[in-house]
Amino acid sequence: MLRHELMICTTPADVINITELRQFISVFHLVQFKIIMDAKRNIIKAFIENGYDQATICREVRKLNINKMLVYRTYIRYVETGNVKIKKKTGRPRTVKTPKLIKKVRESLQRNCARSCRKLAKTYRVSRQVMQRILKDDLRMTAYKKIKIHEITDAQRKKQYERTREL
C-alpha cells in the first residue's frame, strides 16, 4: 500500500470551490487520507458558505466518512456564531482525576499489574474511590480479589489416599 501525506484543509481558502471539493471527494475513496476534525468542519463550512442546506451537505460528504451529527452540529454552530470552532469548555477544571494521573496509573500497571487499588491510591496520594473510578471508568479494568486456594502436596495426597483405603 502506498503511503500518502496527511490531507489537511485548515482554512476555507484551501477549499477553493465546490467543484474542486467534489472532485476531491470522488478521488477520496481511491486514496487513503486522514482528515482531522478541523478539516472536516472547514469542508462543511465551505458547503454552508456556498448556500447548501444540511441534508445536501450530508449527502455530499458521506464518502469522506463525515458523520451526519457532525454536519448538523457544525451547521448550527456556524449559523449561531459565524464560525465552526468549538467553544471553550466551561466549569470547574479537574484537580485530582487528571489525564496526567490516569497516564501514570496506566504506566505503573503495565510494569506491575498485580498492584492493589489501595496501594495505588496511597502511592499517588488520592482517595481509594478516585483510584477505583480511574481503574474502572478510564482504564476499563475490573477489580477482583485474589482467592487463596488450599494446595495439597503430593505427600498429603498420598496420605489422604491411604486413609480413605483404611476406611
N, C-alpha and C. Protein backbone atom coordinates (compact mmCIF):
# COMPACT_ATOMS: atom_id res chain seq x y z
N MET A 1 0.85 -1.19 0.00
CA MET A 1 0.00 0.00 0.00
C MET A 1 0.88 1.24 0.00
N LEU A 2 0.54 2.21 -0.79
CA LEU A 2 1.30 3.44 -0.85
C LEU A 2 0.99 4.34 0.33
N ARG A 3 2.01 5.03 0.80
CA ARG A 3 1.79 5.99 1.88
C ARG A 3 1.47 7.35 1.27
N HIS A 4 0.52 8.04 1.88
CA HIS A 4 0.13 9.35 1.38
C HIS A 4 0.25 10.36 2.50
N GLU A 5 0.46 11.59 2.12
CA GLU A 5 0.59 12.65 3.11
C GLU A 5 -0.74 12.94 3.75
N LEU A 6 -0.66 13.58 4.90
CA LEU A 6 -1.85 13.96 5.64
C LEU A 6 -2.56 15.08 4.89
N MET A 7 -3.83 14.88 4.59
CA MET A 7 -4.61 15.88 3.87
C MET A 7 -5.30 16.76 4.89
N ILE A 8 -4.91 18.02 4.96
CA ILE A 8 -5.49 18.93 5.94
C ILE A 8 -6.01 20.18 5.22
N CYS A 9 -7.27 20.48 5.43
CA CYS A 9 -7.85 21.73 4.96
C CYS A 9 -8.10 22.57 6.21
N THR A 10 -7.25 23.52 6.47
CA THR A 10 -7.38 24.26 7.72
C THR A 10 -8.19 25.54 7.56
N THR A 11 -8.17 26.13 6.41
CA THR A 11 -8.93 27.36 6.21
C THR A 11 -9.85 27.19 5.01
N PRO A 12 -10.90 27.99 4.95
CA PRO A 12 -11.79 27.89 3.79
C PRO A 12 -11.07 28.24 2.48
N ALA A 13 -9.97 28.98 2.55
CA ALA A 13 -9.23 29.32 1.34
C ALA A 13 -8.61 28.07 0.71
N ASP A 14 -8.35 27.03 1.52
CA ASP A 14 -7.81 25.78 0.99
C ASP A 14 -8.82 25.10 0.08
N VAL A 15 -10.09 25.24 0.38
CA VAL A 15 -11.13 24.67 -0.47
C VAL A 15 -11.65 25.81 -1.35
N ILE A 16 -11.17 25.83 -2.59
CA ILE A 16 -11.43 26.98 -3.44
C ILE A 16 -12.89 27.03 -3.89
N ASN A 17 -13.40 25.94 -4.40
CA ASN A 17 -14.80 25.93 -4.80
C ASN A 17 -15.36 24.52 -4.66
N ILE A 18 -16.64 24.42 -4.77
CA ILE A 18 -17.33 23.16 -4.53
C ILE A 18 -17.01 22.12 -5.61
N THR A 19 -16.78 22.55 -6.86
CA THR A 19 -16.48 21.56 -7.90
C THR A 19 -15.15 20.87 -7.61
N GLU A 20 -14.16 21.64 -7.15
CA GLU A 20 -12.89 21.02 -6.78
C GLU A 20 -13.07 20.09 -5.58
N LEU A 21 -13.92 20.50 -4.66
CA LEU A 21 -14.18 19.67 -3.49
C LEU A 21 -14.88 18.38 -3.90
N ARG A 22 -15.81 18.46 -4.85
CA ARG A 22 -16.47 17.24 -5.33
C ARG A 22 -15.49 16.31 -6.03
N GLN A 23 -14.54 16.88 -6.78
CA GLN A 23 -13.51 16.06 -7.40
C GLN A 23 -12.66 15.38 -6.33
N PHE A 24 -12.35 16.12 -5.28
CA PHE A 24 -11.58 15.55 -4.16
C PHE A 24 -12.34 14.40 -3.52
N ILE A 25 -13.65 14.57 -3.33
CA ILE A 25 -14.47 13.53 -2.72
C ILE A 25 -14.52 12.30 -3.61
N SER A 26 -14.61 12.49 -4.92
CA SER A 26 -14.68 11.33 -5.81
C SER A 26 -13.36 10.56 -5.83
N VAL A 27 -12.25 11.24 -5.66
CA VAL A 27 -10.95 10.59 -5.64
C VAL A 27 -10.66 10.00 -4.26
N PHE A 28 -11.33 10.51 -3.25
CA PHE A 28 -11.02 10.16 -1.86
C PHE A 28 -11.11 8.67 -1.59
N HIS A 29 -12.14 8.01 -2.13
CA HIS A 29 -12.30 6.59 -1.82
C HIS A 29 -11.23 5.74 -2.47
N LEU A 30 -10.49 6.28 -3.47
CA LEU A 30 -9.40 5.54 -4.08
C LEU A 30 -8.11 5.65 -3.27
N VAL A 31 -7.93 6.75 -2.60
CA VAL A 31 -6.70 7.01 -1.86
C VAL A 31 -7.04 7.16 -0.39
N GLN A 32 -6.17 6.62 0.45
CA GLN A 32 -6.46 6.66 1.87
C GLN A 32 -5.86 7.92 2.47
N PHE A 33 -6.74 8.83 2.94
CA PHE A 33 -6.32 10.07 3.59
C PHE A 33 -6.83 10.06 5.02
N LYS A 34 -6.17 10.83 5.84
CA LYS A 34 -6.66 11.03 7.19
C LYS A 34 -7.02 12.50 7.32
N ILE A 35 -8.28 12.76 7.55
CA ILE A 35 -8.74 14.14 7.67
C ILE A 35 -9.04 14.41 9.13
N ILE A 36 -8.42 15.41 9.68
CA ILE A 36 -8.67 15.72 11.09
C ILE A 36 -9.96 16.51 11.23
N MET A 37 -10.43 16.61 12.46
CA MET A 37 -11.75 17.20 12.72
C MET A 37 -11.85 18.64 12.24
N ASP A 38 -10.81 19.45 12.42
CA ASP A 38 -10.88 20.83 11.96
C ASP A 38 -11.06 20.89 10.45
N ALA A 39 -10.39 19.99 9.76
CA ALA A 39 -10.52 19.95 8.31
C ALA A 39 -11.94 19.57 7.90
N LYS A 40 -12.52 18.61 8.63
CA LYS A 40 -13.90 18.22 8.33
C LYS A 40 -14.84 19.39 8.53
N ARG A 41 -14.65 20.12 9.62
CA ARG A 41 -15.51 21.29 9.88
C ARG A 41 -15.35 22.35 8.80
N ASN A 42 -14.12 22.54 8.34
CA ASN A 42 -13.89 23.55 7.29
C ASN A 42 -14.48 23.13 5.95
N ILE A 43 -14.52 21.83 5.69
CA ILE A 43 -15.18 21.35 4.47
C ILE A 43 -16.67 21.64 4.56
N ILE A 44 -17.25 21.36 5.73
CA ILE A 44 -18.67 21.64 5.94
C ILE A 44 -18.93 23.14 5.81
N LYS A 45 -18.01 23.96 6.36
CA LYS A 45 -18.15 25.42 6.29
C LYS A 45 -18.15 25.90 4.83
N ALA A 46 -17.31 25.29 3.99
CA ALA A 46 -17.26 25.67 2.58
C ALA A 46 -18.60 25.40 1.90
N PHE A 47 -19.22 24.27 2.24
CA PHE A 47 -20.55 23.98 1.67
C PHE A 47 -21.59 24.98 2.17
N ILE A 48 -21.53 25.32 3.45
CA ILE A 48 -22.50 26.26 4.02
C ILE A 48 -22.38 27.62 3.34
N GLU A 49 -21.13 28.08 3.15
CA GLU A 49 -20.91 29.39 2.53
C GLU A 49 -21.38 29.42 1.07
N ASN A 50 -21.45 28.25 0.43
CA ASN A 50 -21.94 28.19 -0.95
C ASN A 50 -23.44 27.97 -1.01
N GLY A 51 -24.12 28.02 0.14
CA GLY A 51 -25.58 28.01 0.15
C GLY A 51 -26.24 26.65 0.19
N TYR A 52 -25.51 25.60 0.57
CA TYR A 52 -26.10 24.26 0.66
C TYR A 52 -26.80 24.07 2.00
N ASP A 53 -27.88 23.28 1.99
CA ASP A 53 -28.57 23.00 3.25
C ASP A 53 -27.96 21.74 3.89
N GLN A 54 -28.44 21.42 5.11
CA GLN A 54 -27.84 20.34 5.89
C GLN A 54 -27.95 18.98 5.19
N ALA A 55 -29.09 18.67 4.66
CA ALA A 55 -29.29 17.36 4.02
C ALA A 55 -28.38 17.18 2.81
N THR A 56 -28.24 18.24 2.01
CA THR A 56 -27.38 18.16 0.83
C THR A 56 -25.93 17.98 1.23
N ILE A 57 -25.52 18.71 2.27
CA ILE A 57 -24.14 18.58 2.75
C ILE A 57 -23.88 17.15 3.22
N CYS A 58 -24.84 16.58 3.93
CA CYS A 58 -24.69 15.19 4.42
C CYS A 58 -24.48 14.23 3.26
N ARG A 59 -25.26 14.40 2.19
CA ARG A 59 -25.12 13.52 1.03
C ARG A 59 -23.76 13.71 0.35
N GLU A 60 -23.30 14.95 0.28
CA GLU A 60 -22.04 15.24 -0.43
C GLU A 60 -20.82 14.72 0.33
N VAL A 61 -20.84 14.81 1.65
CA VAL A 61 -19.65 14.44 2.43
C VAL A 61 -19.71 13.03 2.99
N ARG A 62 -20.71 12.26 2.59
CA ARG A 62 -20.85 10.88 3.08
C ARG A 62 -19.62 10.04 2.72
N LYS A 63 -19.05 10.27 1.54
CA LYS A 63 -17.88 9.49 1.09
C LYS A 63 -16.63 9.80 1.90
N LEU A 64 -16.62 10.93 2.60
CA LEU A 64 -15.48 11.31 3.43
C LEU A 64 -15.58 10.76 4.85
N ASN A 65 -16.60 9.96 5.10
CA ASN A 65 -16.86 9.42 6.45
C ASN A 65 -17.06 10.54 7.47
N ILE A 66 -17.73 11.59 7.05
CA ILE A 66 -18.09 12.66 7.97
C ILE A 66 -19.48 12.35 8.50
N ASN A 67 -19.59 12.27 9.80
CA ASN A 67 -20.82 11.88 10.48
C ASN A 67 -21.92 12.91 10.25
N LYS A 68 -23.14 12.43 10.18
CA LYS A 68 -24.30 13.31 9.98
C LYS A 68 -24.45 14.29 11.15
N MET A 69 -24.22 13.80 12.36
CA MET A 69 -24.35 14.67 13.54
C MET A 69 -23.29 15.77 13.53
N LEU A 70 -22.09 15.46 13.03
CA LEU A 70 -21.05 16.50 12.91
C LEU A 70 -21.52 17.59 11.95
N VAL A 71 -22.16 17.20 10.87
CA VAL A 71 -22.66 18.18 9.90
C VAL A 71 -23.72 19.06 10.56
N TYR A 72 -24.69 18.45 11.25
CA TYR A 72 -25.77 19.23 11.85
C TYR A 72 -25.25 20.15 12.95
N ARG A 73 -24.37 19.64 13.81
CA ARG A 73 -23.84 20.49 14.89
C ARG A 73 -22.99 21.63 14.34
N THR A 74 -22.19 21.33 13.32
CA THR A 74 -21.35 22.37 12.72
C THR A 74 -22.22 23.42 12.03
N TYR A 75 -23.28 22.98 11.38
CA TYR A 75 -24.19 23.90 10.69
C TYR A 75 -24.83 24.85 11.70
N ILE A 76 -25.34 24.29 12.79
CA ILE A 76 -25.98 25.12 13.83
C ILE A 76 -24.97 26.07 14.45
N ARG A 77 -23.76 25.58 14.73
CA ARG A 77 -22.72 26.42 15.32
C ARG A 77 -22.36 27.57 14.38
N TYR A 78 -22.30 27.29 13.07
CA TYR A 78 -21.96 28.33 12.10
C TYR A 78 -23.07 29.37 12.00
N VAL A 79 -24.31 28.92 12.04
CA VAL A 79 -25.44 29.85 11.96
C VAL A 79 -25.48 30.74 13.20
N GLU A 80 -25.24 30.15 14.38
CA GLU A 80 -25.33 30.91 15.63
C GLU A 80 -24.14 31.84 15.86
N THR A 81 -22.92 31.35 15.61
CA THR A 81 -21.73 32.11 15.98
C THR A 81 -20.98 32.72 14.81
N GLY A 82 -21.15 32.15 13.61
CA GLY A 82 -20.43 32.68 12.46
C GLY A 82 -19.12 31.96 12.19
N ASN A 83 -18.70 31.04 13.06
CA ASN A 83 -17.52 30.23 12.80
C ASN A 83 -17.80 28.79 13.21
N VAL A 84 -16.86 27.90 12.90
CA VAL A 84 -17.08 26.49 13.17
C VAL A 84 -16.19 25.96 14.30
N LYS A 85 -15.48 26.84 14.97
CA LYS A 85 -14.59 26.41 16.06
C LYS A 85 -15.41 26.01 17.28
N ILE A 86 -14.88 25.05 18.03
CA ILE A 86 -15.56 24.59 19.24
C ILE A 86 -15.32 25.59 20.35
N LYS A 87 -16.37 25.84 21.13
CA LYS A 87 -16.25 26.77 22.25
C LYS A 87 -15.43 26.14 23.37
N LYS A 88 -14.79 26.99 24.16
CA LYS A 88 -14.00 26.51 25.29
C LYS A 88 -14.95 25.91 26.32
N LYS A 89 -14.52 24.80 26.90
CA LYS A 89 -15.34 24.12 27.91
C LYS A 89 -15.47 25.00 29.15
N THR A 90 -16.67 24.98 29.74
CA THR A 90 -16.90 25.76 30.94
C THR A 90 -16.92 24.83 32.14
N GLY A 91 -16.90 25.43 33.31
CA GLY A 91 -16.98 24.63 34.52
C GLY A 91 -15.64 24.55 35.23
N ARG A 92 -15.69 23.95 36.40
CA ARG A 92 -14.50 23.83 37.23
C ARG A 92 -13.57 22.77 36.65
N PRO A 93 -12.27 23.08 36.50
CA PRO A 93 -11.35 22.10 35.94
C PRO A 93 -11.05 20.97 36.94
N ARG A 94 -10.69 19.84 36.43
CA ARG A 94 -10.35 18.71 37.29
C ARG A 94 -9.05 18.99 38.02
N THR A 95 -9.00 18.56 39.28
CA THR A 95 -7.78 18.75 40.05
C THR A 95 -7.14 17.43 40.45
N VAL A 96 -7.94 16.39 40.63
CA VAL A 96 -7.40 15.12 41.11
C VAL A 96 -7.33 14.11 39.98
N LYS A 97 -8.46 13.81 39.37
CA LYS A 97 -8.52 12.77 38.33
C LYS A 97 -8.17 13.39 36.98
N THR A 98 -6.91 13.78 36.84
CA THR A 98 -6.44 14.44 35.63
C THR A 98 -5.93 13.41 34.63
N PRO A 99 -5.85 13.78 33.36
CA PRO A 99 -5.27 12.86 32.37
C PRO A 99 -3.83 12.47 32.71
N LYS A 100 -3.11 13.37 33.35
CA LYS A 100 -1.73 13.08 33.75
C LYS A 100 -1.68 11.93 34.76
N LEU A 101 -2.58 11.96 35.74
CA LEU A 101 -2.65 10.89 36.75
C LEU A 101 -3.08 9.58 36.11
N ILE A 102 -4.05 9.64 35.22
CA ILE A 102 -4.52 8.43 34.54
C ILE A 102 -3.38 7.78 33.75
N LYS A 103 -2.58 8.61 33.10
CA LYS A 103 -1.44 8.09 32.33
C LYS A 103 -0.41 7.44 33.26
N LYS A 104 -0.15 8.07 34.40
CA LYS A 104 0.81 7.50 35.36
C LYS A 104 0.33 6.15 35.88
N VAL A 105 -0.96 6.05 36.20
CA VAL A 105 -1.52 4.81 36.71
C VAL A 105 -1.44 3.72 35.64
N ARG A 106 -1.76 4.07 34.40
CA ARG A 106 -1.69 3.10 33.30
C ARG A 106 -0.27 2.56 33.14
N GLU A 107 0.72 3.46 33.20
CA GLU A 107 2.11 3.04 33.04
C GLU A 107 2.57 2.16 34.20
N SER A 108 2.16 2.51 35.43
CA SER A 108 2.57 1.69 36.57
C SER A 108 1.92 0.31 36.52
N LEU A 109 0.69 0.22 36.02
CA LEU A 109 0.04 -1.08 35.91
C LEU A 109 0.64 -1.92 34.77
N GLN A 110 1.21 -1.27 33.77
CA GLN A 110 1.88 -2.03 32.73
C GLN A 110 3.16 -2.67 33.26
N ARG A 111 3.82 -1.97 34.21
CA ARG A 111 5.02 -2.54 34.82
C ARG A 111 4.67 -3.66 35.79
N ASN A 112 3.63 -3.44 36.62
CA ASN A 112 3.23 -4.43 37.61
C ASN A 112 1.71 -4.42 37.71
N CYS A 113 1.07 -5.38 37.09
CA CYS A 113 -0.39 -5.38 37.03
C CYS A 113 -1.03 -5.95 38.29
N ALA A 114 -0.23 -6.46 39.21
CA ALA A 114 -0.79 -7.08 40.41
C ALA A 114 -0.89 -6.10 41.58
N ARG A 115 -0.87 -4.81 41.29
CA ARG A 115 -0.96 -3.81 42.35
C ARG A 115 -2.41 -3.68 42.80
N SER A 116 -2.60 -3.52 44.08
CA SER A 116 -3.95 -3.35 44.60
C SER A 116 -4.39 -1.90 44.46
N CYS A 117 -5.68 -1.71 44.50
CA CYS A 117 -6.24 -0.37 44.36
C CYS A 117 -5.81 0.52 45.53
N ARG A 118 -5.80 -0.05 46.72
CA ARG A 118 -5.40 0.73 47.91
C ARG A 118 -3.95 1.17 47.83
N LYS A 119 -3.08 0.27 47.38
CA LYS A 119 -1.66 0.63 47.27
C LYS A 119 -1.45 1.70 46.21
N LEU A 120 -2.17 1.59 45.09
CA LEU A 120 -2.08 2.62 44.06
C LEU A 120 -2.56 3.97 44.58
N ALA A 121 -3.66 3.95 45.32
CA ALA A 121 -4.20 5.19 45.87
C ALA A 121 -3.21 5.83 46.84
N LYS A 122 -2.58 5.00 47.65
CA LYS A 122 -1.61 5.52 48.61
C LYS A 122 -0.38 6.05 47.89
N THR A 123 0.06 5.38 46.84
CA THR A 123 1.24 5.80 46.08
C THR A 123 1.03 7.17 45.44
N TYR A 124 -0.14 7.37 44.86
CA TYR A 124 -0.41 8.62 44.14
C TYR A 124 -1.14 9.65 44.99
N ARG A 125 -1.35 9.35 46.27
CA ARG A 125 -1.96 10.27 47.24
C ARG A 125 -3.33 10.77 46.79
N VAL A 126 -4.16 9.82 46.40
CA VAL A 126 -5.56 10.12 46.09
C VAL A 126 -6.43 9.17 46.89
N SER A 127 -7.72 9.45 46.93
CA SER A 127 -8.61 8.58 47.69
C SER A 127 -8.82 7.26 46.95
N ARG A 128 -9.25 6.26 47.69
CA ARG A 128 -9.49 4.94 47.12
C ARG A 128 -10.60 5.00 46.08
N GLN A 129 -11.63 5.83 46.33
CA GLN A 129 -12.74 5.94 45.39
C GLN A 129 -12.30 6.52 44.05
N VAL A 130 -11.42 7.53 44.10
CA VAL A 130 -10.91 8.13 42.87
C VAL A 130 -10.11 7.09 42.08
N MET A 131 -9.29 6.31 42.78
CA MET A 131 -8.50 5.29 42.11
C MET A 131 -9.40 4.21 41.51
N GLN A 132 -10.48 3.86 42.22
CA GLN A 132 -11.42 2.89 41.68
C GLN A 132 -12.07 3.40 40.41
N ARG A 133 -12.44 4.69 40.38
CA ARG A 133 -13.04 5.27 39.17
C ARG A 133 -12.05 5.29 38.01
N ILE A 134 -10.79 5.61 38.31
CA ILE A 134 -9.77 5.61 37.25
C ILE A 134 -9.63 4.21 36.67
N LEU A 135 -9.54 3.21 37.55
CA LEU A 135 -9.36 1.84 37.08
C LEU A 135 -10.57 1.35 36.31
N LYS A 136 -11.76 1.63 36.80
CA LYS A 136 -12.97 1.10 36.17
C LYS A 136 -13.40 1.90 34.95
N ASP A 137 -13.53 3.21 35.09
CA ASP A 137 -14.10 4.04 34.02
C ASP A 137 -13.07 4.38 32.94
N ASP A 138 -11.89 4.83 33.36
CA ASP A 138 -10.92 5.32 32.39
C ASP A 138 -10.07 4.22 31.78
N LEU A 139 -9.61 3.28 32.61
CA LEU A 139 -8.74 2.22 32.11
C LEU A 139 -9.50 0.94 31.77
N ARG A 140 -10.80 0.91 32.08
CA ARG A 140 -11.67 -0.24 31.80
C ARG A 140 -11.11 -1.54 32.35
N MET A 141 -10.70 -1.49 33.59
CA MET A 141 -10.19 -2.68 34.26
C MET A 141 -11.21 -3.12 35.30
N THR A 142 -11.23 -4.39 35.59
CA THR A 142 -12.13 -4.89 36.63
C THR A 142 -11.31 -5.34 37.82
N ALA A 143 -11.76 -4.97 38.99
CA ALA A 143 -11.08 -5.37 40.22
C ALA A 143 -11.59 -6.73 40.66
N TYR A 144 -10.70 -7.50 41.18
CA TYR A 144 -11.08 -8.79 41.73
C TYR A 144 -10.20 -9.08 42.93
N LYS A 145 -10.69 -9.94 43.80
CA LYS A 145 -9.95 -10.30 44.98
C LYS A 145 -9.24 -11.61 44.72
N LYS A 146 -7.96 -11.67 45.08
CA LYS A 146 -7.22 -12.90 44.91
C LYS A 146 -7.74 -13.93 45.90
N ILE A 147 -8.00 -15.11 45.41
CA ILE A 147 -8.50 -16.18 46.26
C ILE A 147 -7.36 -17.15 46.53
N LYS A 148 -7.13 -17.43 47.82
CA LYS A 148 -6.09 -18.39 48.19
C LYS A 148 -6.71 -19.78 48.14
N ILE A 149 -6.10 -20.61 47.37
CA ILE A 149 -6.60 -21.98 47.21
C ILE A 149 -5.79 -22.90 48.11
N HIS A 150 -6.48 -23.80 48.75
CA HIS A 150 -5.81 -24.79 49.59
C HIS A 150 -5.09 -25.76 48.68
N GLU A 151 -3.78 -25.73 48.73
CA GLU A 151 -3.00 -26.54 47.84
C GLU A 151 -2.53 -27.81 48.57
N ILE A 152 -2.73 -28.94 47.98
CA ILE A 152 -2.34 -30.21 48.57
C ILE A 152 -1.07 -30.70 47.89
N THR A 153 -0.08 -31.00 48.71
CA THR A 153 1.18 -31.52 48.16
C THR A 153 1.00 -33.00 47.80
N ASP A 154 1.99 -33.53 47.10
CA ASP A 154 1.93 -34.94 46.71
C ASP A 154 1.95 -35.86 47.93
N ALA A 155 2.72 -35.49 48.94
CA ALA A 155 2.79 -36.31 50.15
C ALA A 155 1.44 -36.31 50.86
N GLN A 156 0.78 -35.16 50.93
CA GLN A 156 -0.53 -35.09 51.58
C GLN A 156 -1.56 -35.88 50.78
N ARG A 157 -1.48 -35.82 49.47
CA ARG A 157 -2.42 -36.55 48.63
C ARG A 157 -2.25 -38.07 48.82
N LYS A 158 -0.99 -38.50 48.94
CA LYS A 158 -0.71 -39.91 49.14
C LYS A 158 -1.27 -40.39 50.48
N LYS A 159 -1.05 -39.57 51.52
CA LYS A 159 -1.54 -39.89 52.85
C LYS A 159 -3.07 -39.92 52.86
N GLN A 160 -3.69 -38.99 52.16
CA GLN A 160 -5.15 -38.92 52.07
C GLN A 160 -5.70 -40.19 51.40
N TYR A 161 -5.02 -40.63 50.36
CA TYR A 161 -5.44 -41.84 49.64
C TYR A 161 -5.36 -43.08 50.54
N GLU A 162 -4.27 -43.14 51.30
CA GLU A 162 -4.09 -44.28 52.20
C GLU A 162 -5.16 -44.31 53.29
N ARG A 163 -5.51 -43.16 53.81
CA ARG A 163 -6.53 -43.11 54.88
C ARG A 163 -7.92 -43.47 54.34
N THR A 164 -8.21 -43.09 53.11
CA THR A 164 -9.51 -43.47 52.55
C THR A 164 -9.57 -44.96 52.30
N ARG A 165 -8.45 -45.61 52.01
CA ARG A 165 -8.41 -47.04 51.80
C ARG A 165 -8.67 -47.79 53.12
N GLU A 166 -8.20 -47.21 54.22
CA GLU A 166 -8.39 -47.84 55.53
C GLU A 166 -9.86 -47.85 55.94
N LEU A 167 -10.58 -46.84 55.53
CA LEU A 167 -12.00 -46.77 55.89
C LEU A 167 -12.75 -47.83 55.15
